[in-house]
Amino acid sequence: MEKLAYTINELADKGVGRRSSIYKMINSGKLRARKRGRSTIILHEDAEECLKNLPEYVLEGGGAVEAPDAPAR
């Protein structure tokens, strides 16, 4: 089960962006945040919605992007 909400640091650790980028998304209205006491939290569905609304990466010429082979862990 996914967490219901994340702190700014937790989102940064998940790879959503750096702390400063996350605050920029909040301040620009692209990412909805809430306050719980002194903590800023982002609901799971709000983080998901923000990521879904990011522009898609399209190569010049309209080609598809292929993922590089991931190294074995």
N, C-alpha and C. Protein backbone atom coordinates (compact mmCIF):
# COMPACT_ATOMS: atom_id res chain seq x y z
N MET A 1 0.84 -1.18 0.00
CA MET A 1 0.00 0.00 0.00
C MET A 1 0.88 1.25 0.00
N GLU A 2 0.57 2.17 -0.89
CA GLU A 2 1.32 3.43 -0.96
C GLU A 2 1.00 4.29 0.25
N LYS A 3 1.93 5.16 0.60
CA LYS A 3 1.69 6.11 1.67
C LYS A 3 0.60 7.08 1.24
N LEU A 4 -0.13 7.62 2.19
CA LEU A 4 -1.17 8.60 1.87
C LEU A 4 -0.59 9.96 1.54
N ALA A 5 0.54 10.30 2.19
CA ALA A 5 1.15 11.61 1.98
C ALA A 5 2.66 11.52 2.17
N TYR A 6 3.36 12.47 1.56
CA TYR A 6 4.81 12.52 1.61
C TYR A 6 5.28 13.90 2.06
N THR A 7 6.42 13.94 2.71
CA THR A 7 7.06 15.22 3.01
C THR A 7 7.86 15.63 1.76
N ILE A 8 8.35 16.85 1.76
CA ILE A 8 9.18 17.32 0.66
C ILE A 8 10.42 16.43 0.52
N ASN A 9 11.05 16.10 1.63
CA ASN A 9 12.25 15.25 1.58
C ASN A 9 11.94 13.87 1.02
N GLU A 10 10.81 13.30 1.39
CA GLU A 10 10.44 11.97 0.88
C GLU A 10 10.22 12.00 -0.63
N LEU A 11 9.59 13.06 -1.13
CA LEU A 11 9.39 13.17 -2.58
C LEU A 11 10.74 13.32 -3.29
N ALA A 12 11.63 14.11 -2.71
CA ALA A 12 12.95 14.28 -3.30
C ALA A 12 13.69 12.94 -3.32
N ASP A 13 13.59 12.17 -2.24
CA ASP A 13 14.24 10.86 -2.18
C ASP A 13 13.66 9.89 -3.19
N LYS A 14 12.38 10.04 -3.54
CA LYS A 14 11.74 9.18 -4.53
C LYS A 14 12.12 9.56 -5.96
N GLY A 15 12.83 10.68 -6.13
CA GLY A 15 13.27 11.07 -7.46
C GLY A 15 12.32 12.01 -8.18
N VAL A 16 11.36 12.58 -7.47
CA VAL A 16 10.43 13.52 -8.10
C VAL A 16 11.16 14.78 -8.54
N GLY A 17 12.17 15.15 -7.82
CA GLY A 17 12.97 16.34 -8.12
C GLY A 17 13.75 16.73 -6.89
N ARG A 18 14.56 17.76 -7.04
CA ARG A 18 15.27 18.28 -5.87
C ARG A 18 14.27 19.05 -5.01
N ARG A 19 14.64 19.28 -3.77
CA ARG A 19 13.77 20.03 -2.85
C ARG A 19 13.38 21.38 -3.45
N SER A 20 14.35 22.08 -4.03
CA SER A 20 14.06 23.40 -4.60
C SER A 20 13.08 23.30 -5.77
N SER A 21 13.20 22.26 -6.58
CA SER A 21 12.28 22.06 -7.71
C SER A 21 10.87 21.76 -7.21
N ILE A 22 10.78 20.99 -6.15
CA ILE A 22 9.47 20.66 -5.58
C ILE A 22 8.81 21.92 -5.03
N TYR A 23 9.58 22.75 -4.33
CA TYR A 23 9.02 24.01 -3.83
C TYR A 23 8.60 24.93 -4.97
N LYS A 24 9.36 24.95 -6.07
CA LYS A 24 8.97 25.76 -7.24
C LYS A 24 7.65 25.27 -7.82
N MET A 25 7.47 23.94 -7.90
CA MET A 25 6.21 23.39 -8.41
C MET A 25 5.05 23.77 -7.50
N ILE A 26 5.28 23.76 -6.20
CA ILE A 26 4.24 24.15 -5.24
C ILE A 26 3.91 25.63 -5.41
N ASN A 27 4.93 26.48 -5.44
CA ASN A 27 4.71 27.93 -5.53
C ASN A 27 4.08 28.35 -6.85
N SER A 28 4.30 27.58 -7.91
CA SER A 28 3.71 27.91 -9.21
C SER A 28 2.30 27.34 -9.37
N GLY A 29 1.87 26.53 -8.39
CA GLY A 29 0.53 25.95 -8.45
C GLY A 29 0.47 24.63 -9.20
N LYS A 30 1.59 24.11 -9.62
CA LYS A 30 1.61 22.84 -10.36
C LYS A 30 1.49 21.63 -9.43
N LEU A 31 1.87 21.82 -8.18
CA LEU A 31 1.81 20.74 -7.19
C LEU A 31 1.07 21.24 -5.96
N ARG A 32 0.02 20.56 -5.60
CA ARG A 32 -0.79 20.95 -4.45
C ARG A 32 -0.14 20.43 -3.16
N ALA A 33 0.02 21.32 -2.21
CA ALA A 33 0.62 20.95 -0.93
C ALA A 33 -0.34 21.33 0.20
N ARG A 34 -0.13 20.69 1.32
CA ARG A 34 -0.95 20.96 2.51
C ARG A 34 -0.02 21.12 3.70
N LYS A 35 -0.52 21.76 4.73
CA LYS A 35 0.26 21.95 5.95
C LYS A 35 -0.33 21.07 7.05
N ARG A 36 0.56 20.37 7.76
CA ARG A 36 0.18 19.61 8.95
C ARG A 36 1.11 20.13 10.04
N GLY A 37 0.58 21.06 10.81
CA GLY A 37 1.43 21.75 11.78
C GLY A 37 2.43 22.58 11.01
N ARG A 38 3.71 22.38 11.28
CA ARG A 38 4.77 23.11 10.57
C ARG A 38 5.26 22.36 9.34
N SER A 39 4.80 21.13 9.16
CA SER A 39 5.27 20.31 8.04
C SER A 39 4.45 20.55 6.79
N THR A 40 5.14 20.56 5.66
CA THR A 40 4.47 20.62 4.35
C THR A 40 4.37 19.19 3.85
N ILE A 41 3.17 18.78 3.49
CA ILE A 41 2.96 17.42 2.98
C ILE A 41 2.24 17.48 1.64
N ILE A 42 2.47 16.45 0.85
CA ILE A 42 1.82 16.32 -0.45
C ILE A 42 1.13 14.97 -0.48
N LEU A 43 -0.16 14.99 -0.77
CA LEU A 43 -0.90 13.74 -0.86
C LEU A 43 -0.40 12.93 -2.05
N HIS A 44 -0.45 11.61 -1.91
CA HIS A 44 0.01 10.71 -2.97
C HIS A 44 -0.65 11.05 -4.29
N GLU A 45 -1.97 11.22 -4.30
CA GLU A 45 -2.69 11.49 -5.56
C GLU A 45 -2.32 12.85 -6.15
N ASP A 46 -1.97 13.83 -5.31
CA ASP A 46 -1.55 15.13 -5.83
C ASP A 46 -0.17 15.03 -6.49
N ALA A 47 0.74 14.25 -5.90
CA ALA A 47 2.05 14.04 -6.50
C ALA A 47 1.92 13.30 -7.83
N GLU A 48 1.08 12.29 -7.84
CA GLU A 48 0.85 11.50 -9.05
C GLU A 48 0.26 12.38 -10.17
N GLU A 49 -0.71 13.21 -9.83
CA GLU A 49 -1.35 14.10 -10.80
C GLU A 49 -0.35 15.10 -11.37
N CYS A 50 0.49 15.64 -10.52
CA CYS A 50 1.51 16.60 -10.96
C CYS A 50 2.44 15.94 -11.98
N LEU A 51 2.89 14.74 -11.69
CA LEU A 51 3.80 14.04 -12.59
C LEU A 51 3.12 13.69 -13.91
N LYS A 52 1.85 13.33 -13.86
CA LYS A 52 1.11 13.01 -15.09
C LYS A 52 0.94 14.23 -15.97
N ASN A 53 0.92 15.42 -15.38
CA ASN A 53 0.71 16.65 -16.14
C ASN A 53 2.00 17.26 -16.68
N LEU A 54 3.16 16.65 -16.38
CA LEU A 54 4.41 17.14 -16.94
C LEU A 54 4.40 16.91 -18.45
N PRO A 55 5.06 17.78 -19.21
CA PRO A 55 5.07 17.58 -20.67
C PRO A 55 5.81 16.30 -21.03
N GLU A 56 5.34 15.67 -22.09
CA GLU A 56 5.99 14.46 -22.58
C GLU A 56 7.25 14.81 -23.34
N TYR A 57 8.24 13.94 -23.27
CA TYR A 57 9.47 14.11 -24.01
C TYR A 57 9.28 13.54 -25.40
N VAL A 58 9.51 14.37 -26.41
CA VAL A 58 9.36 13.93 -27.79
C VAL A 58 10.64 14.27 -28.54
N LEU A 59 11.19 13.29 -29.21
CA LEU A 59 12.39 13.51 -30.01
C LEU A 59 12.04 14.32 -31.25
N GLU A 60 13.00 15.09 -31.73
CA GLU A 60 12.79 15.78 -33.01
C GLU A 60 12.56 14.73 -34.08
N GLY A 61 11.63 14.96 -34.95
CA GLY A 61 11.30 13.99 -35.97
C GLY A 61 10.22 13.03 -35.51
N GLY A 62 9.78 13.15 -34.25
CA GLY A 62 8.67 12.35 -33.75
C GLY A 62 9.00 10.92 -33.40
N GLY A 63 10.27 10.57 -33.33
CA GLY A 63 10.65 9.20 -33.00
C GLY A 63 10.38 8.88 -31.54
N ALA A 64 10.33 7.62 -31.24
CA ALA A 64 10.10 7.18 -29.86
C ALA A 64 11.42 7.12 -29.12
N VAL A 65 11.35 7.29 -27.83
CA VAL A 65 12.52 7.21 -26.97
C VAL A 65 12.63 5.79 -26.45
N GLU A 66 13.78 5.16 -26.67
CA GLU A 66 13.99 3.82 -26.14
C GLU A 66 14.81 3.91 -24.87
N ALA A 67 14.40 3.16 -23.87
CA ALA A 67 15.12 3.14 -22.60
C ALA A 67 16.42 2.37 -22.77
N PRO A 68 17.50 2.90 -22.21
CA PRO A 68 18.76 2.14 -22.28
C PRO A 68 18.67 0.89 -21.41
N ASP A 69 19.47 -0.09 -21.73
CA ASP A 69 19.48 -1.31 -20.92
C ASP A 69 19.96 -0.96 -19.52
N ALA A 70 19.21 -1.39 -18.55
CA ALA A 70 19.57 -1.13 -17.15
C ALA A 70 20.63 -2.14 -16.71
N PRO A 71 21.61 -1.68 -15.95
CA PRO A 71 22.61 -2.63 -15.45
C PRO A 71 21.99 -3.60 -14.48
N ALA A 72 22.49 -4.82 -14.45
CA ALA A 72 21.97 -5.84 -13.53
C ALA A 72 22.36 -5.47 -12.11
N ARG A 73 21.46 -5.70 -11.16
CA ARG A 73 21.74 -5.40 -9.76
C ARG A 73 22.01 -6.65 -8.99
